Amino acid sequence: TAPTQRAYHPSELTTQPDKLKIDKHYYLASQLHPVVSRLCNPIEGTDAALIAECLGLDATSYRRSLAAEETESCNVAFSHEDRFKDCVPLSLPCQHCDCTLTIDKPCDLSAVPVTSSFDCGSCGKQQSGYYIANKLTIIAKRYISTYYSGVVRCEDSACGFTTRQAPTSGWCPQCFKGRVKYVYNEAMLYNQLSYLQSLVDYSSLAARVPAKRLASLTPVCHLEHTLATPYHTMTELLKRNAYSIINMTNVFSMFAA
């Protein structure tokens, strides 16, 4: 049950001392533990799990949360495929018929001859650059809206509580055992937008093709002109995303102060 459903007036506690008991776990987990963790954070060798044990709390969920944070911080993708493996492919309705194109790469390099992913397999017609740019803008805005919805979910599989009201303590207000995480965080948004940009980045595609195979791109050379506008659109959109930008002025100003 939610904390508000277990809240009583102090007068009720004094009149019913046998029925109403103070929830010590709630105060330890949501009130005391976050404060002590912040105070002890500079001390080497201390972490949230150790502090939880000292307070008599179950440290299992705290250890799981720490492991997840370490995994996220070390999750560096070295290849194009690894970085975008969790991204959603581009679903693009054909401009000329009722067919829908599912695009996960600009063109199929394994086909002979090389075929463009932006050519409809049903009617055989090409999609215009302005049409692709318009659809990419609409799709990108959907992902941005999902991010700004701010939905968080408890990472404890037994709970799974979902809300848009992120608790300041970082712990689930329903079970007090798991940490709440954003369902769609800033890293997911940046990767998805970068993935959409990569789908219309003909120059990077050509750069990855060995010199002896450049001639194989002749059947799709029109993509260089077609994808110029969509690529510019996604590049300008990504410039407004500050996830990958580090403001060194702000960083060094902390030391100057």
Protein backbone atom coordinates (compact mmCIF):
# COMPACT_ATOMS: atom_id res chain seq x y z
CA THR A 1 0.00 0.00 0.00
CA ALA A 2 1.03 3.60 -0.58
CA PRO A 3 2.38 5.66 2.36
CA THR A 4 -0.65 7.96 2.23
CA GLN A 5 -2.92 4.99 2.87
CA ARG A 6 -0.93 4.06 5.97
CA ALA A 7 -0.78 7.58 7.43
CA TYR A 8 -2.69 8.32 10.64
CA HIS A 9 -3.07 11.31 12.89
CA PRO A 10 -0.92 11.22 16.06
CA SER A 11 -4.09 11.19 18.18
CA GLU A 12 -5.14 7.90 16.54
CA LEU A 13 -1.77 6.39 17.44
CA THR A 14 -2.20 7.29 21.11
CA THR A 15 -5.76 5.95 21.25
CA GLN A 16 -4.93 2.70 19.41
CA PRO A 17 -1.36 1.83 20.44
CA ASP A 18 -1.93 -1.91 20.03
CA LYS A 19 -3.33 -1.73 16.48
CA LEU A 20 -1.15 0.97 14.96
CA LYS A 21 2.62 0.52 14.83
CA ILE A 22 5.20 2.91 13.47
CA ASP A 23 6.64 1.65 10.17
CA LYS A 24 10.32 1.75 11.07
CA HIS A 25 11.35 0.31 7.70
CA TYR A 26 9.74 3.20 5.84
CA TYR A 27 11.60 5.85 7.84
CA LEU A 28 14.90 3.99 7.67
CA ALA A 29 14.67 3.38 3.90
CA SER A 30 13.18 6.65 2.67
CA GLN A 31 14.18 9.21 5.30
CA LEU A 32 17.40 8.10 7.01
CA HIS A 33 19.23 5.98 4.43
CA PRO A 34 19.35 8.60 1.60
CA VAL A 35 20.70 11.26 3.98
CA VAL A 36 23.35 9.01 5.53
CA SER A 37 24.37 7.78 2.07
CA ARG A 38 24.98 11.34 0.86
CA LEU A 39 26.94 12.22 4.00
CA CYS A 40 29.12 9.10 3.77
CA ASN A 41 29.57 9.21 0.00
CA PRO A 42 33.07 10.85 0.20
CA ILE A 43 34.27 8.11 2.58
CA GLU A 44 36.17 5.45 0.66
CA GLY A 45 34.81 1.92 1.04
CA THR A 46 31.24 2.93 1.82
CA ASP A 47 28.27 2.44 -0.46
CA ALA A 48 24.48 2.27 -0.28
CA ALA A 49 24.48 -1.49 0.39
CA LEU A 50 26.89 -1.24 3.34
CA ILE A 51 24.92 1.60 4.91
CA ALA A 52 21.71 -0.39 4.46
CA GLU A 53 23.24 -3.31 6.36
CA CYS A 54 24.33 -1.00 9.18
CA LEU A 55 20.78 0.34 9.43
CA GLY A 56 19.33 -3.17 9.56
CA LEU A 57 17.81 -3.03 6.06
CA ASP A 58 17.88 -5.71 3.38
CA ALA A 59 20.93 -4.82 1.27
CA THR A 60 20.05 -7.11 -1.66
CA SER A 61 18.16 -4.50 -3.68
CA TYR A 62 20.85 -1.90 -2.93
CA ARG A 63 23.57 -4.20 -4.28
CA ARG A 64 21.49 -4.89 -7.38
CA SER A 65 21.05 -1.17 -7.94
CA LEU A 66 24.80 -0.54 -7.57
CA ALA A 67 25.57 -3.32 -10.04
CA ALA A 68 23.14 -1.83 -12.56
CA GLU A 69 24.72 1.62 -12.20
CA GLU A 70 28.21 0.18 -12.72
CA THR A 71 27.01 -1.67 -15.81
CA GLU A 72 25.51 1.51 -17.25
CA SER A 73 28.65 3.53 -16.57
CA CYS A 74 30.83 0.91 -18.27
CA ASN A 75 28.48 0.26 -21.16
CA VAL A 76 30.64 1.60 -23.99
CA ALA A 77 29.66 0.30 -27.42
CA PHE A 78 32.61 0.03 -29.76
CA SER A 79 30.80 -0.99 -32.94
CA HIS A 80 27.90 0.47 -34.87
CA GLU A 81 25.86 -2.72 -34.35
CA ASP A 82 26.46 -2.91 -30.58
CA ARG A 83 25.61 0.73 -30.00
CA PHE A 84 22.27 0.58 -31.81
CA LYS A 85 21.24 -3.01 -31.05
CA ASP A 86 18.34 -1.88 -28.81
CA CYS A 87 17.09 0.87 -31.13
CA VAL A 88 13.82 0.65 -33.03
CA PRO A 89 14.13 0.44 -36.85
CA LEU A 90 12.56 3.16 -38.96
CA SER A 91 9.03 2.32 -40.10
CA LEU A 92 8.34 4.44 -43.17
CA PRO A 93 5.04 4.36 -45.11
CA CYS A 94 5.67 4.39 -48.85
CA GLN A 95 5.07 7.77 -50.45
CA HIS A 96 3.42 6.18 -53.49
CA CYS A 97 1.50 3.09 -52.26
CA ASP A 98 0.11 1.45 -49.12
CA CYS A 99 3.28 -0.52 -48.39
CA THR A 100 5.36 0.17 -45.25
CA LEU A 101 9.15 0.08 -45.41
CA THR A 102 11.09 -1.22 -42.40
CA ILE A 103 14.54 0.35 -42.59
CA ASP A 104 17.46 -0.75 -40.39
CA LYS A 105 20.25 0.35 -42.77
CA PRO A 106 20.51 2.81 -45.69
CA CYS A 107 21.03 0.02 -48.21
CA ASP A 108 21.62 -3.71 -48.40
CA LEU A 109 25.32 -4.17 -49.16
CA SER A 110 24.97 -7.97 -49.23
CA ALA A 111 22.57 -7.87 -52.19
CA VAL A 112 23.83 -8.14 -55.78
CA PRO A 113 23.36 -5.52 -57.05
CA VAL A 114 23.26 -3.33 -53.92
CA THR A 115 19.68 -2.17 -53.24
CA SER A 116 18.44 0.95 -51.49
CA SER A 117 16.33 0.48 -48.34
CA PHE A 118 14.38 3.62 -49.30
CA ASP A 119 13.09 2.09 -52.53
CA CYS A 120 9.68 0.46 -52.11
CA GLY A 121 9.75 -3.29 -52.68
CA SER A 122 6.12 -3.24 -53.76
CA CYS A 123 5.86 -0.41 -56.31
CA GLY A 124 9.61 0.00 -56.87
CA LYS A 125 9.52 3.79 -56.52
CA GLN A 126 11.95 5.97 -54.54
CA GLN A 127 11.03 8.12 -51.55
CA SER A 128 11.85 11.82 -51.87
CA GLY A 129 14.34 13.46 -49.52
CA TYR A 130 11.84 16.00 -48.20
CA TYR A 131 9.30 13.25 -47.50
CA ILE A 132 11.86 11.23 -45.53
CA ALA A 133 12.95 14.33 -43.60
CA ASN A 134 9.34 15.14 -42.68
CA LYS A 135 8.65 11.61 -41.45
CA LEU A 136 11.89 11.53 -39.45
CA THR A 137 10.94 14.79 -37.73
CA ILE A 138 7.53 13.40 -36.73
CA ILE A 139 9.01 10.12 -35.46
CA ALA A 140 11.79 11.91 -33.55
CA LYS A 141 9.23 14.13 -31.83
CA ARG A 142 7.40 11.02 -30.64
CA TYR A 143 10.54 9.71 -28.96
CA ILE A 144 11.20 13.13 -27.43
CA SER A 145 7.63 13.22 -26.06
CA THR A 146 8.13 9.75 -24.58
CA TYR A 147 11.27 10.96 -22.80
CA TYR A 148 9.59 14.07 -21.42
CA SER A 149 6.63 12.03 -20.12
CA GLY A 150 9.01 11.15 -17.26
CA VAL A 151 7.62 7.68 -16.49
CA VAL A 152 9.61 5.78 -13.86
CA ARG A 153 9.32 2.11 -12.87
CA CYS A 154 10.49 0.14 -9.86
CA GLU A 155 13.36 -2.13 -10.85
CA ASP A 156 12.18 -4.82 -8.43
CA SER A 157 10.48 -7.41 -10.67
CA ALA A 158 8.13 -8.39 -7.85
CA CYS A 159 6.82 -4.83 -7.65
CA GLY A 160 7.05 -3.11 -11.04
CA PHE A 161 5.28 0.01 -9.74
CA THR A 162 5.02 2.68 -12.45
CA THR A 163 4.43 6.40 -11.95
CA ARG A 164 5.22 9.82 -13.41
CA GLN A 165 5.97 11.25 -9.96
CA ALA A 166 9.63 10.45 -9.46
CA PRO A 167 10.42 10.23 -5.71
CA THR A 168 13.25 12.46 -4.52
CA SER A 169 14.80 9.58 -2.55
CA GLY A 170 15.11 7.42 -5.67
CA TRP A 171 13.41 4.48 -3.95
CA CYS A 172 10.07 2.97 -4.89
CA PRO A 173 7.25 4.57 -2.83
CA GLN A 174 5.24 1.35 -3.16
CA CYS A 175 7.58 -1.42 -1.94
CA PHE A 176 10.60 0.58 -0.58
CA LYS A 177 12.88 -2.22 -1.81
CA GLY A 178 13.78 -1.31 -5.39
CA ARG A 179 15.14 1.79 -7.01
CA VAL A 180 12.98 3.58 -9.57
CA LYS A 181 14.46 4.07 -13.03
CA TYR A 182 13.23 6.07 -15.97
CA VAL A 183 11.48 3.81 -18.45
CA TYR A 184 12.91 5.92 -21.29
CA ASN A 185 16.01 7.81 -20.20
CA GLU A 186 18.24 10.38 -21.89
CA ALA A 187 20.73 7.76 -23.11
CA MET A 188 17.96 5.82 -24.87
CA LEU A 189 16.68 8.99 -26.51
CA TYR A 190 20.13 10.06 -27.71
CA ASN A 191 20.93 6.60 -29.08
CA GLN A 192 17.60 6.38 -30.89
CA LEU A 193 18.01 9.80 -32.50
CA SER A 194 21.61 8.96 -33.43
CA TYR A 195 20.38 5.70 -34.94
CA LEU A 196 17.83 7.53 -37.09
CA GLN A 197 20.60 9.87 -38.21
CA SER A 198 22.82 6.91 -39.13
CA LEU A 199 20.07 5.53 -41.38
CA VAL A 200 20.31 8.62 -43.61
CA ASP A 201 24.09 9.09 -43.35
CA TYR A 202 25.27 8.06 -46.79
CA SER A 203 28.79 9.46 -46.32
CA SER A 204 29.52 7.25 -43.29
CA LEU A 205 28.13 4.25 -45.15
CA ALA A 206 30.41 4.86 -48.11
CA ALA A 207 33.37 5.37 -45.76
CA ARG A 208 32.82 1.92 -44.22
CA VAL A 209 32.88 0.20 -47.62
CA PRO A 210 36.34 -1.08 -48.67
CA ALA A 211 37.91 0.82 -51.57
CA LYS A 212 37.73 -2.22 -53.87
CA ARG A 213 33.95 -2.41 -53.33
CA LEU A 214 33.09 1.27 -53.86
CA ALA A 215 32.00 0.48 -57.40
CA SER A 216 29.23 -1.70 -55.97
CA LEU A 217 27.52 1.45 -54.61
CA THR A 218 26.86 2.75 -58.13
CA PRO A 219 23.22 1.43 -58.19
CA VAL A 220 22.44 3.46 -55.05
CA CYS A 221 24.57 6.56 -55.71
CA HIS A 222 21.34 8.58 -55.94
CA LEU A 223 21.02 8.16 -52.15
CA GLU A 224 23.81 10.71 -51.63
CA HIS A 225 21.51 13.43 -53.00
CA THR A 226 18.23 11.97 -51.66
CA LEU A 227 19.45 11.59 -48.07
CA ALA A 228 21.19 14.98 -47.87
CA THR A 229 18.08 16.78 -46.56
CA PRO A 230 17.05 14.05 -44.05
CA TYR A 231 20.63 13.90 -42.74
CA HIS A 232 20.74 17.68 -42.29
CA THR A 233 17.37 17.53 -40.47
CA MET A 234 18.55 14.88 -38.00
CA THR A 235 21.91 16.60 -37.50
CA GLU A 236 20.21 19.88 -36.57
CA LEU A 237 17.90 18.00 -34.20
CA LEU A 238 20.82 16.28 -32.47
CA LYS A 239 22.58 19.61 -32.02
CA ARG A 240 19.78 20.55 -29.61
CA ASN A 241 20.42 17.42 -27.54
CA ALA A 242 23.02 18.16 -24.85
CA TYR A 243 23.50 14.54 -23.73
CA SER A 244 26.87 14.15 -25.45
CA ILE A 245 28.12 17.66 -24.65
CA ILE A 246 30.35 18.49 -21.69
CA ASN A 247 30.55 22.17 -20.80
CA MET A 248 34.18 22.50 -19.69
CA THR A 249 33.57 26.07 -18.47
CA ASN A 250 31.14 24.77 -15.86
CA VAL A 251 33.47 21.91 -14.92
CA PHE A 252 36.52 24.11 -14.26
CA SER A 253 34.44 26.84 -12.61
CA MET A 254 33.86 24.44 -9.69
CA PHE A 255 37.61 24.26 -9.06
CA ALA A 256 38.04 28.00 -9.49
CA ALA A 257 35.42 28.65 -6.80
